[in-house]
N, C-alpha and C. Protein backbone atom coordinates (compact mmCIF):
# COMPACT_ATOMS: atom_id res chain seq x y z
N MET A 1 0.46 -13.95 2.68
CA MET A 1 -0.87 -13.37 3.19
C MET A 1 -1.55 -14.36 4.00
N PRO A 2 -2.92 -13.99 4.49
CA PRO A 2 -3.46 -15.29 5.59
C PRO A 2 -4.45 -15.98 4.64
N ASP A 3 -4.28 -17.26 5.03
CA ASP A 3 -5.24 -18.18 4.18
C ASP A 3 -6.47 -18.40 4.27
N GLU A 4 -6.80 -17.98 5.57
CA GLU A 4 -7.86 -17.79 6.03
C GLU A 4 -8.97 -17.30 4.48
N TYR A 5 -8.41 -16.42 3.99
CA TYR A 5 -9.72 -15.62 2.25
C TYR A 5 -9.74 -16.50 1.57
N ASP A 6 -11.23 -16.24 1.16
CA ASP A 6 -11.83 -17.06 -0.32
C ASP A 6 -10.86 -16.16 -1.15
N TRP A 7 -10.26 -16.72 -1.69
CA TRP A 7 -8.73 -16.32 -2.59
C TRP A 7 -9.69 -16.27 -4.13
N ALA A 8 -10.92 -16.98 -4.14
CA ALA A 8 -11.23 -16.94 -5.30
C ALA A 8 -12.31 -15.94 -5.32
N SER A 9 -12.59 -15.46 -4.66
CA SER A 9 -13.91 -13.86 -4.41
C SER A 9 -13.11 -13.15 -4.70
N LEU A 10 -11.79 -13.11 -4.61
CA LEU A 10 -10.91 -11.86 -5.37
C LEU A 10 -11.29 -11.48 -6.52
N LYS A 11 -11.76 -10.87 -7.30
CA LYS A 11 -11.57 -10.16 -8.47
C LYS A 11 -11.15 -8.69 -8.79
N VAL A 12 -11.03 -8.53 -9.76
CA VAL A 12 -10.15 -7.18 -10.16
C VAL A 12 -11.53 -5.89 -9.43
N SER A 13 -12.59 -6.41 -9.12
CA SER A 13 -13.56 -5.00 -9.10
C SER A 13 -13.83 -5.45 -7.39
N THR A 14 -13.43 -6.37 -6.69
CA THR A 14 -13.70 -6.45 -5.36
C THR A 14 -12.61 -5.72 -4.46
N PRO A 15 -12.87 -4.90 -3.45
CA PRO A 15 -12.34 -3.98 -2.68
C PRO A 15 -11.67 -4.72 -1.89
N ALA A 16 -10.48 -4.38 -1.47
CA ALA A 16 -9.40 -5.01 -0.39
C ALA A 16 -8.70 -3.82 0.10
N THR A 17 -8.44 -4.27 1.47
CA THR A 17 -7.36 -3.81 2.25
C THR A 17 -5.55 -3.56 1.81
N TYR A 18 -5.01 -3.10 1.85
CA TYR A 18 -3.81 -3.35 1.66
C TYR A 18 -2.72 -2.69 2.47
N ARG A 19 -1.58 -3.39 2.54
CA ARG A 19 -0.04 -2.85 3.09
C ARG A 19 0.64 -2.87 2.49
N ILE A 20 1.55 -1.65 2.11
CA ILE A 20 2.42 -1.66 1.03
C ILE A 20 3.90 -1.05 1.82
N GLU A 21 4.87 -1.41 1.52
CA GLU A 21 6.13 -0.85 2.24
C GLU A 21 7.01 -0.53 1.18
N VAL A 22 7.52 0.52 1.36
CA VAL A 22 8.60 1.15 0.24
C VAL A 22 9.74 1.97 1.32
N GLU A 23 10.58 1.80 0.25
CA GLU A 23 11.98 2.67 1.02
C GLU A 23 11.88 3.91 0.67
N GLY A 24 12.32 4.39 1.67
CA GLY A 24 12.28 6.18 1.50
C GLY A 24 11.64 6.62 2.60
N ALA A 25 11.43 7.94 3.24
CA ALA A 25 10.52 8.70 3.85
C ALA A 25 9.87 9.18 2.88
N ALA A 26 8.31 9.56 3.76
CA ALA A 26 7.53 9.80 1.85
C ALA A 26 6.97 11.45 2.58
N SER A 27 7.33 12.53 1.57
CA SER A 27 7.64 13.76 1.53
C SER A 27 5.94 13.99 2.44
N LYS A 28 6.17 15.48 2.38
CA LYS A 28 4.59 15.96 3.01
C LYS A 28 3.77 16.14 1.66
N SER A 29 3.99 16.59 0.66
CA SER A 29 3.20 16.15 -0.66
C SER A 29 2.62 15.03 -0.81
N LEU A 30 3.82 14.04 -0.55
CA LEU A 30 3.21 12.62 -0.82
C LEU A 30 1.86 12.32 0.20
N LEU A 31 2.23 12.68 1.36
CA LEU A 31 1.56 12.60 2.17
C LEU A 31 -0.18 12.44 2.30
N GLY A 32 0.23 14.20 1.92
CA GLY A 32 -1.51 14.71 1.08
C GLY A 32 -1.67 14.36 0.24
N TYR A 33 -1.59 13.41 -0.64
CA TYR A 33 -1.22 12.70 -1.62
C TYR A 33 -2.86 11.63 -1.90
N PHE A 34 -2.57 10.60 -0.39
CA PHE A 34 -3.18 9.43 -0.36
C PHE A 34 -4.23 10.13 0.43
N GLY A 35 -5.38 10.21 0.39
CA GLY A 35 -6.72 10.83 1.52
C GLY A 35 -7.10 9.56 2.66
N ASN A 36 -7.31 8.75 1.85
CA ASN A 36 -8.14 7.34 2.44
C ASN A 36 -6.45 6.59 2.90
N VAL A 37 -5.52 6.91 2.78
CA VAL A 37 -4.18 5.59 3.72
C VAL A 37 -3.83 6.24 4.14
N HIS A 38 -3.47 5.53 5.20
CA HIS A 38 -2.48 5.52 6.69
C HIS A 38 -1.35 5.30 6.10
N ILE A 39 -0.81 6.81 6.64
CA ILE A 39 0.90 6.20 6.40
C ILE A 39 1.68 6.43 7.74
N THR A 40 3.02 5.60 7.76
CA THR A 40 3.53 5.45 8.54
C THR A 40 4.88 5.41 8.46
N THR A 41 5.85 6.04 9.13
CA THR A 41 7.51 5.53 8.05
C THR A 41 8.35 4.86 9.80
N ARG A 42 8.99 4.20 9.05
CA ARG A 42 9.77 3.81 10.64
C ARG A 42 11.53 3.41 9.97
N GLN A 43 12.68 3.67 11.57
CA GLN A 43 13.48 4.05 11.14
C GLN A 43 14.54 2.86 11.49
N ARG A 44 14.80 2.30 10.80
CA ARG A 44 15.47 0.45 10.80
C ARG A 44 17.01 0.87 11.90
N LYS A 45 17.72 -0.02 12.36
CA LYS A 45 18.69 0.41 12.52
C LYS A 45 19.86 0.73 12.06
N ASP A 46 19.96 0.89 10.24
CA ASP A 46 21.24 1.32 9.77
C ASP A 46 20.61 2.77 9.56
N ASN A 47 19.84 3.24 10.41
CA ASN A 47 19.27 4.70 10.02
C ASN A 47 18.14 4.47 8.67
N SER A 48 18.09 3.63 8.18
CA SER A 48 17.28 3.98 6.22
C SER A 48 15.80 4.20 6.80
N ILE A 49 15.37 4.52 5.98
CA ILE A 49 13.83 4.66 6.49
C ILE A 49 12.86 4.09 5.79
N VAL A 50 11.81 3.17 5.99
CA VAL A 50 10.38 2.17 5.47
C VAL A 50 9.93 3.52 5.73
N THR A 51 8.87 3.77 4.80
CA THR A 51 7.51 4.04 4.65
C THR A 51 6.43 3.20 4.67
N ILE A 52 5.40 2.91 5.48
CA ILE A 52 4.48 2.06 5.27
C ILE A 52 3.16 2.49 4.97
N LEU A 53 1.99 2.08 3.87
CA LEU A 53 1.12 2.65 3.57
C LEU A 53 -0.31 1.64 3.75
N VAL A 54 -1.07 1.85 4.45
CA VAL A 54 -1.87 0.85 4.67
C VAL A 54 -3.52 1.53 4.60
N GLY A 55 -4.43 0.85 3.46
CA GLY A 55 -5.82 1.35 2.92
C GLY A 55 -6.28 0.92 1.99
N GLN A 56 -7.67 0.83 2.58
CA GLN A 56 -8.65 0.07 1.49
C GLN A 56 -8.80 0.90 -0.38
N MET A 57 -8.94 -0.14 -1.08
CA MET A 57 -8.55 0.16 -2.34
C MET A 57 -9.97 -0.26 -2.50
N ARG A 58 -10.75 0.62 -3.65
CA ARG A 58 -12.36 0.17 -4.14
C ARG A 58 -12.35 -1.07 -4.96
N ASP A 59 -11.22 -1.17 -5.76
CA ASP A 59 -10.89 -2.15 -6.49
C ASP A 59 -9.23 -2.16 -6.88
N GLN A 60 -9.34 -3.18 -8.07
CA GLN A 60 -7.89 -3.00 -8.11
C GLN A 60 -7.25 -1.96 -9.20
N ALA A 61 -7.65 -1.20 -10.00
CA ALA A 61 -7.39 -0.12 -10.66
C ALA A 61 -7.59 1.00 -9.72
N GLU A 62 -7.67 1.24 -8.62
CA GLU A 62 -7.60 2.03 -7.67
C GLU A 62 -6.12 1.85 -7.07
N PHE A 63 -5.67 0.19 -6.80
CA PHE A 63 -4.44 -0.24 -6.23
C PHE A 63 -3.45 -0.19 -7.24
N ALA A 64 -3.60 -0.50 -8.55
CA ALA A 64 -2.80 0.08 -9.79
C ALA A 64 -2.52 1.74 -9.27
N GLY A 65 -3.02 2.65 -9.05
CA GLY A 65 -2.98 4.21 -9.31
C GLY A 65 -2.09 3.98 -8.22
N LEU A 66 -2.69 3.94 -7.15
CA LEU A 66 -1.47 3.66 -6.01
C LEU A 66 -0.50 3.50 -6.54
N ILE A 67 -0.06 2.25 -6.66
CA ILE A 67 1.40 1.70 -6.68
C ILE A 67 2.02 2.73 -8.22
N ASN A 68 1.45 3.32 -9.35
CA ASN A 68 2.31 3.66 -10.37
C ASN A 68 2.33 5.02 -9.37
N THR A 69 1.82 5.78 -8.79
CA THR A 69 2.01 6.72 -8.10
C THR A 69 3.40 6.36 -7.11
N LEU A 70 3.46 5.74 -6.76
CA LEU A 70 4.54 5.22 -6.15
C LEU A 70 5.87 5.39 -6.62
N PHE A 71 6.04 4.92 -7.94
CA PHE A 71 6.74 4.44 -8.94
C PHE A 71 6.99 5.66 -9.72
N ASP A 72 6.15 7.15 -9.91
CA ASP A 72 6.28 8.64 -10.08
C ASP A 72 7.27 9.03 -9.33
N TRP A 73 6.95 8.26 -8.09
CA TRP A 73 7.69 9.45 -6.99
C TRP A 73 9.00 8.55 -6.29
N HIS A 74 9.12 7.75 -7.46
CA HIS A 74 10.79 6.97 -7.26
C HIS A 74 10.77 6.46 -5.65
N MET A 75 9.73 5.86 -5.27
CA MET A 75 9.56 5.00 -4.00
C MET A 75 9.80 3.47 -4.60
N PRO A 76 11.23 2.86 -4.36
CA PRO A 76 10.95 0.94 -4.75
C PRO A 76 10.51 0.43 -3.26
N ILE A 77 9.39 -0.60 -4.05
CA ILE A 77 8.36 -1.21 -3.16
C ILE A 77 9.18 -2.17 -2.81
N ARG A 78 8.91 -2.64 -1.53
CA ARG A 78 9.63 -3.69 -0.56
C ARG A 78 8.71 -4.52 -0.42
N SER A 79 7.22 -4.27 -0.44
CA SER A 79 6.54 -5.79 -0.42
C SER A 79 5.33 -5.17 -0.40
N VAL A 80 4.08 -6.03 -0.67
CA VAL A 80 2.72 -5.87 -0.91
C VAL A 80 1.96 -6.92 -0.41
N GLU A 81 0.97 -6.56 0.66
CA GLU A 81 0.40 -7.54 0.92
C GLU A 81 -0.84 -7.83 1.35
N ILE A 82 -2.49 -8.20 1.01
CA ILE A 82 -3.53 -7.63 1.49
C ILE A 82 -3.69 -8.30 2.44
N ILE A 83 -4.32 -7.36 3.51
CA ILE A 83 -4.77 -7.55 5.07
C ILE A 83 -6.30 -8.10 4.94
N SER A 84 -7.00 -7.74 4.43
CA SER A 84 -8.50 -8.42 4.54
C SER A 84 -9.16 -8.15 2.91
N ILE A 85 -9.93 -8.88 2.54
CA ILE A 85 -10.65 -8.94 1.49
C ILE A 85 -11.80 -8.39 1.82
N ASP A 86 -12.56 -7.16 1.42
CA ASP A 86 -13.65 -6.39 1.89
C ASP A 86 -15.03 -7.15 0.86
N LYS A 87 -16.05 -6.63 1.21
CA LYS A 87 -17.07 -7.37 0.61
C LYS A 87 -17.76 -6.51 0.31
């Protein structure tokens, strides 16, 4: 995560943009489920697929909902990164 952020300003109610990587390819129904999240996939050298989700969440409750949905879809989370803290 970038060091230039004012991490003290990050609260549970703070909007932020996240980048999340999960194992596997997103299905068409999953792609339609996240309206405000940009979803891409990439194929590794071993032909396995990683799905990358990037989007702004209104607060950490919305972020938790996204994480829970990924869990419900059985998509193992590889990494989570805050790209920006929005005000």
